[in-house]
Amino acid sequence: MDTDFVFLTEGHAMWSDMLMQILQDNDIPCIACPVQSTRPAIYSGLPKGVNIFVPAHKKSQAEEILKGFFSNEESQQSQ
C-alpha cells in the first residue's frame, strides 16, 4: 500500500479543521502542517495557515470532497 502523503490544499486553521473532519469521516487519513509565516510580528494575531496532506492513493477522492466542500460553502454565502 502507498503510504506517501501528498499536498492537498492550504487554508486557515478553522477551515482546515472542518475539512480534515470531513476527510476523516470519509476514511481519508490526513495530516496538517502549519504554514511558516513571513509576516511581521504585528500580524501574528491573524489566523494561521495550514497545509493539508493526504495519502497519494486517496488524493483524487480527497479532491472531490474538497470541491464539494467549497461548493457547499459558496452556496451558503449566497443565501
C-alpha atoms as a PDB file:
ATOM      1  CA  MET A   1       0.000   0.000   0.000  1.00  0.00           C
ATOM      2  CA  ASP A   2       1.200   3.509  -0.863  1.00  0.00           C
ATOM      3  CA  THR A   3       1.904   5.453   2.329  1.00  0.00           C
ATOM      4  CA  ASP A   4       3.325   8.595   0.718  1.00  0.00           C
ATOM      5  CA  PHE A   5       1.402  11.711   1.651  1.00  0.00           C
ATOM      6  CA  VAL A   6       0.911  14.475  -0.923  1.00  0.00           C
ATOM      7  CA  PHE A   7      -0.238  18.083  -0.666  1.00  0.00           C
ATOM      8  CA  LEU A   8      -3.997  18.619  -0.997  1.00  0.00           C
ATOM      9  CA  THR A   9      -4.644  22.260  -0.078  1.00  0.00           C
ATOM     10  CA  GLU A  10      -3.868  25.174   2.229  1.00  0.00           C
ATOM     11  CA  GLY A  11      -6.344  27.099   4.348  1.00  0.00           C
ATOM     12  CA  HIS A  12      -6.911  28.875   7.631  1.00  0.00           C
ATOM     13  CA  ALA A  13      -6.781  26.717  10.736  1.00  0.00           C
ATOM     14  CA  MET A  14     -10.520  26.744  11.487  1.00  0.00           C
ATOM     15  CA  TRP A  15     -11.443  25.940   7.855  1.00  0.00           C
ATOM     16  CA  SER A  16      -8.787  23.219   7.769  1.00  0.00           C
ATOM     17  CA  ASP A  17     -10.166  21.608  10.930  1.00  0.00           C
ATOM     18  CA  MET A  18     -13.599  21.295   9.305  1.00  0.00           C
ATOM     19  CA  LEU A  19     -12.163  19.876   6.082  1.00  0.00           C
ATOM     20  CA  MET A  20      -9.993  17.381   7.953  1.00  0.00           C
ATOM     21  CA  GLN A  21     -13.013  16.125   9.889  1.00  0.00           C
ATOM     22  CA  ILE A  22     -14.897  15.582   6.620  1.00  0.00           C
ATOM     23  CA  LEU A  23     -11.910  13.746   5.126  1.00  0.00           C
ATOM     24  CA  GLN A  24     -11.591  11.523   8.197  1.00  0.00           C
ATOM     25  CA  ASP A  25     -15.342  10.819   8.127  1.00  0.00           C
ATOM     26  CA  ASN A  26     -14.763   9.525   4.574  1.00  0.00           C
ATOM     27  CA  ASP A  27     -11.885   7.250   5.645  1.00  0.00           C
ATOM     28  CA  ILE A  28      -9.186   9.518   4.233  1.00  0.00           C
ATOM     29  CA  PRO A  29      -6.280   9.956   6.634  1.00  0.00           C
ATOM     30  CA  CYS A  30      -4.854  13.462   6.632  1.00  0.00           C
ATOM     31  CA  ILE A  31      -2.027  15.429   8.171  1.00  0.00           C
ATOM     32  CA  ALA A  32      -1.994  19.154   8.930  1.00  0.00           C
ATOM     33  CA  CYS A  33       1.226  21.151   8.976  1.00  0.00           C
ATOM     34  CA  PRO A  34       1.293  24.817   9.993  1.00  0.00           C
ATOM     35  CA  VAL A  35       2.458  27.202   7.293  1.00  0.00           C
ATOM     36  CA  GLN A  36       5.514  29.174   8.273  1.00  0.00           C
ATOM     37  CA  SER A  37       4.595  32.833   8.076  1.00  0.00           C
ATOM     38  CA  THR A  38       6.943  35.535   6.843  1.00  0.00           C
ATOM     39  CA  ARG A  39       4.640  38.298   8.105  1.00  0.00           C
ATOM     40  CA  PRO A  40       5.963  40.760  10.660  1.00  0.00           C
ATOM     41  CA  ALA A  41       5.111  40.060  14.295  1.00  0.00           C
ATOM     42  CA  ILE A  42       2.473  42.827  14.249  1.00  0.00           C
ATOM     43  CA  TYR A  43       0.262  40.493  12.174  1.00  0.00           C
ATOM     44  CA  SER A  44       0.681  37.497  14.470  1.00  0.00           C
ATOM     45  CA  GLY A  45      -2.975  37.758  15.576  1.00  0.00           C
ATOM     46  CA  LEU A  46      -4.192  36.700  12.123  1.00  0.00           C
ATOM     47  CA  PRO A  47      -5.343  33.110  11.644  1.00  0.00           C
ATOM     48  CA  LYS A  48      -2.520  30.765  10.836  1.00  0.00           C
ATOM     49  CA  GLY A  49      -2.460  28.859   7.579  1.00  0.00           C
ATOM     50  CA  VAL A  50      -2.376  25.085   7.483  1.00  0.00           C
ATOM     51  CA  ASN A  51      -1.234  22.744   4.712  1.00  0.00           C
ATOM     52  CA  ILE A  52      -3.242  19.527   4.464  1.00  0.00           C
ATOM     53  CA  PHE A  53      -1.687  16.324   3.141  1.00  0.00           C
ATOM     54  CA  VAL A  54      -3.432  13.052   2.219  1.00  0.00           C
ATOM     55  CA  PRO A  55      -2.168   9.643   1.046  1.00  0.00           C
ATOM     56  CA  ALA A  56      -1.265   9.729  -2.659  1.00  0.00           C
ATOM     57  CA  HIS A  57      -3.689   6.901  -3.462  1.00  0.00           C
ATOM     58  CA  LYS A  58      -6.578   8.852  -1.856  1.00  0.00           C
ATOM     59  CA  LYS A  59      -5.829  12.253  -3.406  1.00  0.00           C
ATOM     60  CA  SER A  60      -8.446  12.099  -6.194  1.00  0.00           C
ATOM     61  CA  GLN A  61     -11.148  11.130  -3.678  1.00  0.00           C
ATOM     62  CA  ALA A  62     -10.000  13.944  -1.360  1.00  0.00           C
ATOM     63  CA  GLU A  63     -10.087  16.451  -4.246  1.00  0.00           C
ATOM     64  CA  GLU A  64     -13.707  15.518  -4.981  1.00  0.00           C
ATOM     65  CA  ILE A  65     -14.591  16.075  -1.324  1.00  0.00           C
ATOM     66  CA  LEU A  66     -12.700  19.387  -1.404  1.00  0.00           C
ATOM     67  CA  LYS A  67     -14.703  20.528  -4.467  1.00  0.00           C
ATOM     68  CA  GLY A  68     -17.949  19.621  -2.693  1.00  0.00           C
ATOM     69  CA  PHE A  69     -16.791  21.396   0.452  1.00  0.00           C
ATOM     70  CA  PHE A  70     -16.206  24.628  -1.490  1.00  0.00           C
ATOM     71  CA  SER A  71     -19.473  24.411  -3.424  1.00  0.00           C
ATOM     72  CA  ASN A  72     -21.434  23.987  -0.174  1.00  0.00           C
ATOM     73  CA  GLU A  73     -19.580  26.924   1.379  1.00  0.00           C
ATOM     74  CA  GLU A  74     -20.263  29.166  -1.653  1.00  0.00           C
ATOM     75  CA  SER A  75     -23.972  28.289  -1.789  1.00  0.00           C
ATOM     76  CA  GLN A  76     -24.373  29.103   1.912  1.00  0.00           C
ATOM     77  CA  GLN A  77     -22.692  32.503   1.428  1.00  0.00           C
ATOM     78  CA  SER A  78     -25.008  33.430  -1.448  1.00  0.00           C
ATOM     79  CA  GLN A  79     -28.180  32.811   0.587  1.00  0.00           C
END
